[in-house]
Amino acid sequence: AQTDPEAFFPEKGGSTREAKRVCSSCEVRAECLEYALENDERFGIWGGLSERERRRMRRSQAM
């Protein structure tokens, strides 16, 4: 099964459901999220999290 890469970079206000579904069963989810956090990725779904969710995660870890 293949997923359209654009699913991981939805338009503003677009659905993230498909990308998060794929991420939920991905073997490298943790590594993907770690990459996004270390490289300050600002767009797209990485490791199952949106940019907003990653930003919240960074803030809570900084406390």
Protein backbone atom coordinates (compact mmCIF):
# COMPACT_ATOMS: atom_id res chain seq x y z
CA ALA A 1 0.00 0.00 0.00
CA GLN A 2 1.35 3.39 -0.95
CA THR A 3 0.39 6.75 0.43
CA ASP A 4 0.51 9.99 -1.50
CA PRO A 5 3.44 12.02 -0.07
CA GLU A 6 1.24 15.11 -0.21
CA ALA A 7 -0.83 13.58 2.60
CA PHE A 8 2.08 14.44 4.92
CA PHE A 9 2.04 18.09 3.85
CA PRO A 10 -1.65 19.09 3.79
CA GLU A 11 -2.79 22.56 2.84
CA LYS A 12 -3.54 24.85 5.78
CA GLY A 13 -6.74 23.58 7.33
CA GLY A 14 -6.51 20.31 5.40
CA SER A 15 -6.94 16.88 6.95
CA THR A 16 -3.99 15.18 8.62
CA ARG A 17 -5.94 11.98 9.26
CA GLU A 18 -4.39 9.85 6.48
CA ALA A 19 -0.81 10.80 7.35
CA LYS A 20 -1.35 10.17 11.06
CA ARG A 21 -2.94 6.80 10.26
CA VAL A 22 0.16 5.79 8.29
CA CYS A 23 2.46 7.07 11.05
CA SER A 24 0.61 5.10 13.72
CA SER A 25 1.93 1.81 12.35
CA CYS A 26 5.29 3.01 11.01
CA GLU A 27 8.44 1.27 12.27
CA VAL A 28 10.52 4.47 12.20
CA ARG A 29 7.97 6.81 13.77
CA ALA A 30 10.20 7.70 16.74
CA GLU A 31 13.21 8.37 14.52
CA CYS A 32 11.10 10.49 12.19
CA LEU A 33 9.80 12.61 15.06
CA GLU A 34 13.30 12.96 16.48
CA TYR A 35 14.57 14.15 13.09
CA ALA A 36 11.80 16.75 12.85
CA LEU A 37 12.48 18.06 16.34
CA GLU A 38 16.25 18.21 15.88
CA ASN A 39 15.95 19.95 12.51
CA ASP A 40 13.11 22.29 13.46
CA GLU A 41 10.83 21.06 10.67
CA ARG A 42 8.05 23.60 10.42
CA PHE A 43 5.75 21.94 7.92
CA GLY A 44 4.09 18.60 7.56
CA ILE A 45 3.36 15.55 9.65
CA TRP A 46 6.51 14.00 11.13
CA GLY A 47 6.40 11.04 13.49
CA GLY A 48 2.64 11.34 13.66
CA LEU A 49 2.62 14.93 14.90
CA SER A 50 1.71 18.19 13.20
CA GLU A 51 3.87 21.30 13.46
CA ARG A 52 1.55 22.67 16.15
CA GLU A 53 1.79 19.43 18.16
CA ARG A 54 5.59 19.40 17.84
CA ARG A 55 5.73 23.02 18.99
CA ARG A 56 3.67 22.13 22.08
CA MET A 57 5.96 19.18 22.74
CA ARG A 58 9.05 21.43 22.55
CA ARG A 59 7.50 23.92 24.97
CA SER A 60 6.57 21.25 27.51
CA GLN A 61 10.07 19.73 27.33
CA ALA A 62 11.64 23.16 27.87
CA MET A 63 9.86 23.58 31.22
